[in-house]
Structure formats: structure tokens, C-alpha cells
N, C-alpha and C. Protein backbone atom coordinates (compact mmCIF):
# COMPACT_ATOMS: atom_id res chain seq x y z
N MET A 1 0.82 -1.19 0.00
CA MET A 1 0.00 0.00 0.00
C MET A 1 0.87 1.26 0.00
N VAL A 2 1.91 1.26 0.80
CA VAL A 2 2.79 2.42 0.87
C VAL A 2 3.49 2.64 -0.46
N LYS A 3 3.93 1.55 -1.11
CA LYS A 3 4.60 1.67 -2.41
C LYS A 3 3.67 2.29 -3.44
N LYS A 4 2.42 1.84 -3.45
CA LYS A 4 1.45 2.39 -4.41
C LYS A 4 1.23 3.88 -4.15
N ASN A 5 1.11 4.25 -2.89
CA ASN A 5 0.89 5.66 -2.55
C ASN A 5 2.08 6.52 -2.97
N ILE A 6 3.28 5.99 -2.81
CA ILE A 6 4.48 6.71 -3.24
C ILE A 6 4.47 6.87 -4.76
N ILE A 7 4.08 5.83 -5.46
CA ILE A 7 4.02 5.88 -6.93
C ILE A 7 2.98 6.92 -7.37
N TYR A 8 1.80 6.89 -6.76
CA TYR A 8 0.76 7.87 -7.12
C TYR A 8 1.21 9.29 -6.82
N ASN A 9 1.84 9.49 -5.69
CA ASN A 9 2.34 10.82 -5.33
C ASN A 9 3.42 11.27 -6.31
N THR A 10 4.28 10.35 -6.73
CA THR A 10 5.32 10.67 -7.70
C THR A 10 4.71 11.07 -9.05
N ILE A 11 3.70 10.33 -9.47
CA ILE A 11 3.02 10.64 -10.72
C ILE A 11 2.40 12.04 -10.64
N PHE A 12 1.73 12.31 -9.53
CA PHE A 12 1.09 13.61 -9.33
C PHE A 12 2.13 14.74 -9.38
N GLN A 13 3.23 14.57 -8.68
CA GLN A 13 4.28 15.60 -8.66
C GLN A 13 4.92 15.77 -10.04
N PHE A 14 5.13 14.66 -10.74
CA PHE A 14 5.72 14.73 -12.08
C PHE A 14 4.82 15.50 -13.04
N VAL A 15 3.53 15.21 -13.02
CA VAL A 15 2.59 15.91 -13.91
C VAL A 15 2.56 17.40 -13.58
N ASN A 16 2.55 17.72 -12.29
CA ASN A 16 2.54 19.13 -11.89
C ASN A 16 3.79 19.88 -12.32
N MET A 17 4.90 19.17 -12.45
CA MET A 17 6.14 19.80 -12.91
C MET A 17 6.27 19.78 -14.43
N ALA A 18 5.82 18.72 -15.07
CA ALA A 18 6.03 18.55 -16.51
C ALA A 18 5.09 19.39 -17.37
N LEU A 19 3.83 19.49 -16.99
CA LEU A 19 2.87 20.20 -17.84
C LEU A 19 3.20 21.68 -18.01
N PRO A 20 3.64 22.38 -16.97
CA PRO A 20 4.05 23.77 -17.21
C PRO A 20 5.25 23.89 -18.16
N ILE A 21 6.11 22.90 -18.18
CA ILE A 21 7.24 22.91 -19.11
C ILE A 21 6.72 22.82 -20.55
N ILE A 22 5.62 22.12 -20.73
CA ILE A 22 5.02 21.97 -22.06
C ILE A 22 4.24 23.23 -22.45
N THR A 23 3.48 23.78 -21.51
CA THR A 23 2.60 24.91 -21.85
C THR A 23 3.32 26.27 -21.83
N ALA A 24 4.36 26.42 -21.05
CA ALA A 24 5.02 27.73 -20.91
C ALA A 24 5.53 28.30 -22.23
N PRO A 25 6.25 27.52 -23.06
CA PRO A 25 6.70 28.09 -24.33
C PRO A 25 5.54 28.51 -25.24
N TYR A 26 4.50 27.71 -25.27
CA TYR A 26 3.34 28.02 -26.11
C TYR A 26 2.67 29.30 -25.61
N LEU A 27 2.43 29.38 -24.31
CA LEU A 27 1.78 30.56 -23.75
C LEU A 27 2.63 31.81 -23.93
N SER A 28 3.93 31.66 -23.78
CA SER A 28 4.83 32.80 -23.97
C SER A 28 4.73 33.35 -25.38
N ARG A 29 4.68 32.46 -26.34
CA ARG A 29 4.61 32.87 -27.74
C ARG A 29 3.24 33.45 -28.08
N VAL A 30 2.19 32.80 -27.64
CA VAL A 30 0.83 33.19 -28.02
C VAL A 30 0.33 34.40 -27.22
N LEU A 31 0.52 34.38 -25.92
CA LEU A 31 -0.02 35.47 -25.09
C LEU A 31 0.91 36.67 -25.00
N GLY A 32 2.19 36.42 -24.96
CA GLY A 32 3.13 37.52 -24.80
C GLY A 32 3.37 37.83 -23.33
N ALA A 33 4.41 38.59 -23.09
CA ALA A 33 4.85 38.87 -21.72
C ALA A 33 3.80 39.65 -20.93
N SER A 34 3.18 40.62 -21.55
CA SER A 34 2.21 41.46 -20.84
C SER A 34 1.01 40.64 -20.35
N SER A 35 0.46 39.81 -21.20
CA SER A 35 -0.70 39.00 -20.82
C SER A 35 -0.34 37.94 -19.78
N ILE A 36 0.83 37.35 -19.92
CA ILE A 36 1.26 36.38 -18.92
C ILE A 36 1.46 37.08 -17.57
N GLY A 37 1.98 38.29 -17.62
CA GLY A 37 2.15 39.07 -16.40
C GLY A 37 0.83 39.36 -15.72
N ILE A 38 -0.17 39.74 -16.49
CA ILE A 38 -1.51 40.00 -15.94
C ILE A 38 -2.06 38.74 -15.30
N SER A 39 -1.96 37.63 -16.02
CA SER A 39 -2.46 36.36 -15.51
C SER A 39 -1.74 35.96 -14.22
N SER A 40 -0.43 36.02 -14.23
CA SER A 40 0.35 35.62 -13.06
C SER A 40 0.07 36.51 -11.86
N TYR A 41 0.00 37.81 -12.11
CA TYR A 41 -0.24 38.76 -11.02
C TYR A 41 -1.60 38.53 -10.38
N THR A 42 -2.65 38.44 -11.20
CA THR A 42 -3.99 38.29 -10.64
C THR A 42 -4.19 36.92 -9.99
N PHE A 43 -3.52 35.90 -10.53
CA PHE A 43 -3.59 34.57 -9.92
C PHE A 43 -2.90 34.60 -8.55
N THR A 44 -1.81 35.33 -8.45
CA THR A 44 -1.10 35.44 -7.18
C THR A 44 -1.95 36.18 -6.15
N VAL A 45 -2.60 37.25 -6.57
CA VAL A 45 -3.48 37.98 -5.66
C VAL A 45 -4.59 37.05 -5.16
N ALA A 46 -5.22 36.32 -6.05
CA ALA A 46 -6.26 35.37 -5.66
C ALA A 46 -5.68 34.29 -4.74
N GLY A 47 -4.43 33.94 -4.98
CA GLY A 47 -3.75 32.93 -4.16
C GLY A 47 -3.66 33.33 -2.70
N TYR A 48 -3.54 34.61 -2.41
CA TYR A 48 -3.51 35.06 -1.02
C TYR A 48 -4.84 34.77 -0.32
N PHE A 49 -5.93 34.92 -1.03
CA PHE A 49 -7.24 34.61 -0.47
C PHE A 49 -7.39 33.10 -0.26
N VAL A 50 -6.86 32.32 -1.19
CA VAL A 50 -6.87 30.86 -1.06
C VAL A 50 -6.04 30.44 0.14
N LEU A 51 -4.90 31.07 0.34
CA LEU A 51 -4.07 30.78 1.51
C LEU A 51 -4.84 31.00 2.80
N PHE A 52 -5.62 32.07 2.86
CA PHE A 52 -6.43 32.34 4.04
C PHE A 52 -7.43 31.21 4.27
N ILE A 53 -8.07 30.75 3.21
CA ILE A 53 -9.06 29.68 3.34
C ILE A 53 -8.41 28.39 3.83
N MET A 54 -7.31 28.02 3.22
CA MET A 54 -6.70 26.71 3.47
C MET A 54 -5.60 26.72 4.53
N LEU A 55 -5.36 27.86 5.16
CA LEU A 55 -4.27 28.00 6.10
C LEU A 55 -4.27 26.89 7.15
N GLY A 56 -3.39 25.94 6.99
CA GLY A 56 -3.24 24.85 7.93
C GLY A 56 -4.23 23.72 7.77
N LEU A 57 -5.28 23.91 6.99
CA LEU A 57 -6.31 22.88 6.88
C LEU A 57 -5.81 21.61 6.19
N ASN A 58 -4.95 21.75 5.21
CA ASN A 58 -4.45 20.54 4.53
C ASN A 58 -3.71 19.63 5.50
N ASN A 59 -2.79 20.19 6.25
CA ASN A 59 -2.03 19.36 7.20
C ASN A 59 -2.89 18.89 8.37
N TYR A 60 -3.64 19.81 8.95
CA TYR A 60 -4.48 19.47 10.09
C TYR A 60 -5.56 18.46 9.69
N GLY A 61 -6.22 18.71 8.57
CA GLY A 61 -7.27 17.82 8.11
C GLY A 61 -6.75 16.44 7.78
N ASN A 62 -5.63 16.39 7.08
CA ASN A 62 -5.01 15.12 6.72
C ASN A 62 -4.69 14.31 7.97
N ARG A 63 -4.04 14.94 8.93
CA ARG A 63 -3.64 14.25 10.16
C ARG A 63 -4.86 13.82 10.97
N SER A 64 -5.84 14.72 11.11
CA SER A 64 -7.03 14.42 11.91
C SER A 64 -7.84 13.28 11.31
N ILE A 65 -7.98 13.28 10.01
CA ILE A 65 -8.73 12.20 9.33
C ILE A 65 -7.97 10.88 9.47
N ALA A 66 -6.65 10.92 9.32
CA ALA A 66 -5.84 9.69 9.44
C ALA A 66 -5.98 9.07 10.83
N LEU A 67 -6.13 9.89 11.85
CA LEU A 67 -6.24 9.39 13.23
C LEU A 67 -7.56 8.68 13.50
N VAL A 68 -8.63 9.09 12.79
CA VAL A 68 -9.96 8.53 13.09
C VAL A 68 -10.55 7.73 11.93
N LYS A 69 -9.75 7.40 10.95
CA LYS A 69 -10.29 6.79 9.73
C LYS A 69 -10.94 5.42 9.95
N GLU A 70 -10.62 4.75 11.04
CA GLU A 70 -11.20 3.43 11.31
C GLU A 70 -12.58 3.53 11.96
N ASN A 71 -12.89 4.65 12.57
CA ASN A 71 -14.15 4.85 13.27
C ASN A 71 -15.06 5.74 12.42
N LYS A 72 -16.06 5.14 11.77
CA LYS A 72 -16.93 5.86 10.81
C LYS A 72 -17.63 7.07 11.46
N LYS A 73 -18.13 6.90 12.67
CA LYS A 73 -18.85 7.98 13.33
C LYS A 73 -17.91 9.15 13.63
N GLN A 74 -16.76 8.84 14.17
CA GLN A 74 -15.78 9.88 14.48
C GLN A 74 -15.23 10.50 13.20
N LEU A 75 -15.07 9.69 12.16
CA LEU A 75 -14.60 10.18 10.86
C LEU A 75 -15.58 11.22 10.31
N SER A 76 -16.85 10.88 10.34
CA SER A 76 -17.88 11.80 9.85
C SER A 76 -17.90 13.09 10.66
N SER A 77 -17.81 12.97 11.96
CA SER A 77 -17.81 14.14 12.83
C SER A 77 -16.58 15.02 12.59
N THR A 78 -15.41 14.39 12.48
CA THR A 78 -14.17 15.13 12.25
C THR A 78 -14.20 15.85 10.90
N PHE A 79 -14.65 15.13 9.87
CA PHE A 79 -14.76 15.76 8.55
C PHE A 79 -15.68 16.97 8.61
N SER A 80 -16.85 16.80 9.22
CA SER A 80 -17.82 17.90 9.30
C SER A 80 -17.25 19.11 10.01
N GLU A 81 -16.56 18.89 11.11
CA GLU A 81 -15.98 20.00 11.88
C GLU A 81 -14.93 20.76 11.06
N ILE A 82 -14.05 20.00 10.42
CA ILE A 82 -12.98 20.64 9.64
C ILE A 82 -13.55 21.34 8.42
N TYR A 83 -14.48 20.69 7.75
CA TYR A 83 -15.06 21.29 6.55
C TYR A 83 -15.89 22.53 6.89
N GLU A 84 -16.50 22.53 8.06
CA GLU A 84 -17.23 23.71 8.52
C GLU A 84 -16.28 24.90 8.68
N ILE A 85 -15.11 24.63 9.22
CA ILE A 85 -14.09 25.69 9.33
C ILE A 85 -13.70 26.18 7.94
N GLN A 86 -13.52 25.24 7.01
CA GLN A 86 -13.13 25.60 5.65
C GLN A 86 -14.21 26.43 4.98
N ILE A 87 -15.46 26.06 5.15
CA ILE A 87 -16.55 26.82 4.55
C ILE A 87 -16.63 28.22 5.16
N THR A 88 -16.46 28.30 6.47
CA THR A 88 -16.51 29.60 7.15
C THR A 88 -15.39 30.51 6.66
N THR A 89 -14.17 30.00 6.65
CA THR A 89 -13.06 30.83 6.17
C THR A 89 -13.23 31.14 4.69
N GLY A 90 -13.82 30.20 3.95
CA GLY A 90 -14.08 30.42 2.53
C GLY A 90 -15.07 31.54 2.30
N MET A 91 -16.13 31.57 3.08
CA MET A 91 -17.13 32.64 2.93
C MET A 91 -16.54 34.00 3.31
N ILE A 92 -15.71 34.01 4.35
CA ILE A 92 -15.05 35.26 4.74
C ILE A 92 -14.12 35.72 3.62
N ALA A 93 -13.33 34.80 3.08
CA ALA A 93 -12.38 35.14 2.02
C ALA A 93 -13.12 35.60 0.76
N LEU A 94 -14.21 34.92 0.41
CA LEU A 94 -14.98 35.33 -0.76
C LEU A 94 -15.60 36.71 -0.56
N ALA A 95 -16.10 36.98 0.64
CA ALA A 95 -16.65 38.31 0.92
C ALA A 95 -15.56 39.37 0.78
N CYS A 96 -14.38 39.06 1.31
CA CYS A 96 -13.25 40.00 1.18
C CYS A 96 -12.84 40.17 -0.29
N TYR A 97 -12.92 39.07 -1.05
CA TYR A 97 -12.56 39.16 -2.46
C TYR A 97 -13.57 40.02 -3.23
N PHE A 98 -14.85 39.90 -2.88
CA PHE A 98 -15.86 40.76 -3.51
C PHE A 98 -15.60 42.23 -3.19
N ILE A 99 -15.22 42.50 -1.95
CA ILE A 99 -14.87 43.88 -1.56
C ILE A 99 -13.66 44.33 -2.37
N PHE A 100 -12.67 43.44 -2.47
CA PHE A 100 -11.48 43.74 -3.27
C PHE A 100 -11.86 44.05 -4.72
N LEU A 101 -12.75 43.24 -5.30
CA LEU A 101 -13.21 43.48 -6.68
C LEU A 101 -13.90 44.83 -6.79
N TYR A 102 -14.75 45.13 -5.83
CA TYR A 102 -15.48 46.39 -5.85
C TYR A 102 -14.50 47.58 -5.79
N CYS A 103 -13.48 47.45 -4.96
CA CYS A 103 -12.49 48.53 -4.82
C CYS A 103 -11.61 48.67 -6.06
N ASN A 104 -11.55 47.63 -6.88
CA ASN A 104 -10.70 47.66 -8.07
C ASN A 104 -11.50 47.67 -9.36
N LYS A 105 -12.74 48.16 -9.31
CA LYS A 105 -13.59 48.20 -10.50
C LYS A 105 -12.97 48.97 -11.65
N SER A 106 -12.23 50.00 -11.34
CA SER A 106 -11.66 50.83 -12.40
C SER A 106 -10.26 50.36 -12.81
N SER A 107 -9.80 49.28 -12.21
CA SER A 107 -8.48 48.75 -12.53
C SER A 107 -8.45 48.13 -13.93
N ASP A 108 -7.29 48.23 -14.57
CA ASP A 108 -7.10 47.57 -15.87
C ASP A 108 -7.21 46.05 -15.73
N TYR A 109 -6.99 45.56 -14.53
CA TYR A 109 -6.98 44.12 -14.29
C TYR A 109 -8.32 43.59 -13.78
N TYR A 110 -9.33 44.42 -13.74
CA TYR A 110 -10.61 44.04 -13.13
C TYR A 110 -11.15 42.71 -13.66
N LEU A 111 -11.18 42.56 -14.97
CA LEU A 111 -11.72 41.34 -15.57
C LEU A 111 -10.87 40.12 -15.19
N ALA A 112 -9.56 40.30 -15.17
CA ALA A 112 -8.67 39.21 -14.78
C ALA A 112 -8.89 38.84 -13.31
N TYR A 113 -9.06 39.85 -12.45
CA TYR A 113 -9.37 39.58 -11.04
C TYR A 113 -10.68 38.82 -10.92
N LYS A 114 -11.65 39.24 -11.71
CA LYS A 114 -12.97 38.62 -11.67
C LYS A 114 -12.89 37.13 -12.03
N TYR A 115 -12.17 36.82 -13.10
CA TYR A 115 -12.03 35.42 -13.50
C TYR A 115 -11.17 34.62 -12.53
N SER A 116 -10.24 35.28 -11.87
CA SER A 116 -9.39 34.59 -10.89
C SER A 116 -10.17 34.21 -9.64
N MET A 117 -11.36 34.77 -9.49
CA MET A 117 -12.21 34.42 -8.36
C MET A 117 -12.58 32.94 -8.39
N ILE A 118 -12.56 32.33 -9.56
CA ILE A 118 -12.84 30.89 -9.68
C ILE A 118 -11.87 30.10 -8.79
N TYR A 119 -10.63 30.53 -8.77
CA TYR A 119 -9.60 29.87 -7.95
C TYR A 119 -9.94 30.00 -6.47
N VAL A 120 -10.36 31.18 -6.05
CA VAL A 120 -10.73 31.40 -4.65
C VAL A 120 -11.94 30.53 -4.32
N PHE A 121 -12.90 30.51 -5.20
CA PHE A 121 -14.11 29.71 -5.01
C PHE A 121 -13.78 28.22 -4.91
N SER A 122 -12.82 27.78 -5.70
CA SER A 122 -12.46 26.35 -5.70
C SER A 122 -11.90 25.89 -4.36
N ALA A 123 -11.25 26.79 -3.63
CA ALA A 123 -10.67 26.42 -2.33
C ALA A 123 -11.74 26.04 -1.31
N VAL A 124 -12.93 26.57 -1.47
CA VAL A 124 -14.02 26.23 -0.55
C VAL A 124 -14.39 24.75 -0.69
N PHE A 125 -14.23 24.21 -1.88
CA PHE A 125 -14.64 22.83 -2.15
C PHE A 125 -13.48 21.83 -2.16
N ASP A 126 -12.29 22.28 -1.92
CA ASP A 126 -11.11 21.41 -1.97
C ASP A 126 -11.02 20.55 -0.71
N VAL A 127 -11.34 19.27 -0.86
CA VAL A 127 -11.27 18.34 0.27
C VAL A 127 -10.22 17.26 0.04
N ASN A 128 -9.17 17.62 -0.68
CA ASN A 128 -8.08 16.66 -0.88
C ASN A 128 -7.52 16.17 0.44
N TRP A 129 -7.48 17.02 1.45
CA TRP A 129 -6.98 16.64 2.77
C TRP A 129 -7.74 15.43 3.33
N PHE A 130 -9.02 15.36 3.03
CA PHE A 130 -9.84 14.23 3.49
C PHE A 130 -9.36 12.92 2.86
N PHE A 131 -9.17 12.94 1.54
CA PHE A 131 -8.75 11.73 0.84
C PHE A 131 -7.31 11.36 1.15
N TRP A 132 -6.45 12.37 1.38
CA TRP A 132 -5.08 12.07 1.79
C TRP A 132 -5.09 11.40 3.16
N GLY A 133 -5.94 11.89 4.05
CA GLY A 133 -6.05 11.29 5.38
C GLY A 133 -6.54 9.86 5.32
N LEU A 134 -7.39 9.57 4.36
CA LEU A 134 -7.88 8.18 4.16
C LEU A 134 -6.90 7.33 3.36
N GLU A 135 -5.82 7.97 2.93
CA GLU A 135 -4.80 7.33 2.08
C GLU A 135 -5.37 6.88 0.75
N LYS A 136 -6.24 7.68 0.18
CA LYS A 136 -6.81 7.43 -1.14
C LYS A 136 -6.03 8.23 -2.18
N PHE A 137 -4.76 7.93 -2.29
CA PHE A 137 -3.89 8.67 -3.19
C PHE A 137 -4.25 8.42 -4.65
N LYS A 138 -4.72 7.22 -4.95
CA LYS A 138 -5.08 6.90 -6.32
C LYS A 138 -6.19 7.82 -6.81
N LEU A 139 -7.22 7.99 -6.01
CA LEU A 139 -8.35 8.84 -6.37
C LEU A 139 -7.92 10.28 -6.59
N THR A 140 -7.18 10.85 -5.64
CA THR A 140 -6.76 12.25 -5.77
C THR A 140 -5.80 12.43 -6.93
N THR A 141 -4.93 11.46 -7.14
CA THR A 141 -3.99 11.55 -8.26
C THR A 141 -4.71 11.52 -9.59
N ILE A 142 -5.63 10.59 -9.75
CA ILE A 142 -6.36 10.47 -11.01
C ILE A 142 -7.17 11.74 -11.29
N CYS A 143 -7.89 12.23 -10.29
CA CYS A 143 -8.69 13.44 -10.48
C CYS A 143 -7.82 14.64 -10.83
N ASN A 144 -6.74 14.83 -10.08
CA ASN A 144 -5.88 15.99 -10.32
C ASN A 144 -5.13 15.89 -11.64
N VAL A 145 -4.65 14.72 -11.98
CA VAL A 145 -3.94 14.55 -13.25
C VAL A 145 -4.90 14.77 -14.43
N LEU A 146 -6.11 14.22 -14.33
CA LEU A 146 -7.09 14.45 -15.39
C LEU A 146 -7.42 15.93 -15.54
N ALA A 147 -7.59 16.61 -14.43
CA ALA A 147 -7.88 18.05 -14.48
C ALA A 147 -6.74 18.81 -15.15
N ARG A 148 -5.50 18.46 -14.81
CA ARG A 148 -4.34 19.14 -15.40
C ARG A 148 -4.22 18.82 -16.89
N LEU A 149 -4.45 17.57 -17.26
CA LEU A 149 -4.37 17.19 -18.68
C LEU A 149 -5.46 17.88 -19.50
N LEU A 150 -6.67 17.91 -18.97
CA LEU A 150 -7.77 18.58 -19.67
C LEU A 150 -7.51 20.07 -19.80
N SER A 151 -6.97 20.68 -18.74
CA SER A 151 -6.68 22.12 -18.83
C SER A 151 -5.57 22.39 -19.83
N THR A 152 -4.59 21.50 -19.90
CA THR A 152 -3.52 21.66 -20.88
C THR A 152 -4.07 21.55 -22.30
N ALA A 153 -4.92 20.56 -22.52
CA ALA A 153 -5.54 20.41 -23.84
C ALA A 153 -6.38 21.64 -24.17
N ALA A 154 -7.14 22.14 -23.20
CA ALA A 154 -7.98 23.31 -23.42
C ALA A 154 -7.14 24.54 -23.75
N ILE A 155 -5.98 24.67 -23.14
CA ILE A 155 -5.09 25.79 -23.44
C ILE A 155 -4.69 25.76 -24.91
N PHE A 156 -4.27 24.59 -25.38
CA PHE A 156 -3.84 24.47 -26.77
C PHE A 156 -5.00 24.64 -27.75
N ILE A 157 -6.19 24.27 -27.34
CA ILE A 157 -7.36 24.37 -28.23
C ILE A 157 -7.94 25.79 -28.27
N PHE A 158 -8.05 26.43 -27.11
CA PHE A 158 -8.80 27.68 -27.04
C PHE A 158 -7.97 28.96 -26.95
N VAL A 159 -6.73 28.87 -26.51
CA VAL A 159 -5.91 30.08 -26.38
C VAL A 159 -5.07 30.22 -27.65
N LYS A 160 -5.48 31.17 -28.49
CA LYS A 160 -4.86 31.30 -29.81
C LYS A 160 -4.18 32.64 -30.06
N SER A 161 -4.44 33.63 -29.20
CA SER A 161 -3.83 34.95 -29.41
C SER A 161 -3.72 35.67 -28.07
N GLU A 162 -3.13 36.85 -28.12
CA GLU A 162 -2.94 37.65 -26.91
C GLU A 162 -4.28 38.00 -26.25
N THR A 163 -5.31 38.10 -27.05
CA THR A 163 -6.64 38.39 -26.50
C THR A 163 -7.23 37.20 -25.74
N GLY A 164 -6.59 36.05 -25.83
CA GLY A 164 -7.04 34.84 -25.14
C GLY A 164 -6.61 34.77 -23.69
N VAL A 165 -6.08 35.86 -23.16
CA VAL A 165 -5.60 35.85 -21.78
C VAL A 165 -6.73 35.52 -20.81
N TYR A 166 -7.93 36.03 -21.06
CA TYR A 166 -9.04 35.77 -20.15
C TYR A 166 -9.53 34.33 -20.26
N ILE A 167 -9.44 33.78 -21.45
CA ILE A 167 -9.76 32.36 -21.63
C ILE A 167 -8.74 31.52 -20.86
N TYR A 168 -7.47 31.90 -20.98
CA TYR A 168 -6.42 31.19 -20.25
C TYR A 168 -6.64 31.27 -18.74
N ILE A 169 -6.98 32.45 -18.25
CA ILE A 169 -7.22 32.60 -16.81
C ILE A 169 -8.37 31.70 -16.37
N CYS A 170 -9.43 31.66 -17.16
CA CYS A 170 -10.57 30.79 -16.82
C CYS A 170 -10.17 29.32 -16.81
N ILE A 171 -9.42 28.90 -17.81
CA ILE A 171 -8.98 27.51 -17.88
C ILE A 171 -8.08 27.18 -16.71
N HIS A 172 -7.12 28.04 -16.46
CA HIS A 172 -6.14 27.81 -15.39
C HIS A 172 -6.83 27.73 -14.03
N THR A 173 -7.70 28.69 -13.73
CA THR A 173 -8.34 28.69 -12.42
C THR A 173 -9.39 27.58 -12.30
N ALA A 174 -10.08 27.27 -13.38
CA ALA A 174 -11.09 26.20 -13.35
C ALA A 174 -10.44 24.84 -13.12
N SER A 175 -9.19 24.67 -13.50
CA SER A 175 -8.53 23.38 -13.29
C SER A 175 -8.38 23.07 -11.80
N TYR A 176 -8.41 24.08 -10.96
CA TYR A 176 -8.36 23.87 -9.52
C TYR A 176 -9.72 23.52 -8.95
N LEU A 177 -10.75 23.94 -9.64
CA LEU A 177 -12.11 23.67 -9.19
C LEU A 177 -12.45 22.21 -9.39
């Protein structure tokens, strides 16, 4: 079981490292430096809100679920408690993000910020910590690898020019959802 989990984790890490190597040259050529900068900047800003939502939950949730995984009643209770915290911090972060959007309505990056909200929204539903705690690495690996592969294919299919930056932002952020 441990060997399989190591293999799945290795596959997951490899895909996360390899796909950007494939997409980066294409995106650099098609989108250009300015559009990539907009995408990276707005994704990073959204990332701060995601950090607030997930702050410590991945490690804490993983460990807590692993400790009670044999007891179904305690497992259900632990999951509910941790996920309730995640939903609460998620709603706070989303409210703050809406305020941030409102304050930046006149920004050149407004539309990019708006589409990057998908990434913030996705953190509310991210329960990978639960499956890691149950040692279901195969499930999380398959789901995440499929999402990354589909997003990579979508980038090559739909992002064709510098004006495709918003399409790219949607694809990139939706892959986390």
C-alpha cells in the first residue's frame, strides 16, 4: 500500500512539474509577456485569499482524518468539523474578495481579477486533505492529473492569441475547481 501511494504521489508531482514545461513556451509565444504578467499577477493575488481559506487545513485535516479513519462515526464528525471551518473561512475570504473586486472596478486588471475568483471559489470545495487522510492517493492523483491534462488540452485548443488571456485565466483557475 505504501509503495502504491508513493508511486501515485510521484506521478502527481511529475505531472505538476512537466505540464508547465510543455505549456510555458506556447503561452509565452501566443499570449506575450504582458498577458502572462496580468495572468500571473492576478492569480497570485487570488492565491492570497486561497491561503487564508486553506491556512493549515491541509495538514491538520489530513492528520485528523488519518487518526480517526477506522471509526466511521468519528470520521464523519471530524470531517464535518474541519469542513465547517473551511466553509466559514471560505465565505469570509470570498466576501473580502468581492470587496477587493469592488475597490478595483476601475483597474485595468478588473476582468482578470474577476475570472481569478474561480480559484478562490475552488478552495471552498477542496477536500483533498480528506482523501489524503484516508490514504486514497489513487483517487486524488487520477482526479488531479485528469484536471491538469484537460486544462492543458484546453489551453492548446482555445488560447490562440494575446486576447485569449481571459480564456487562459478561466482555464487555469477552473482546473483547480
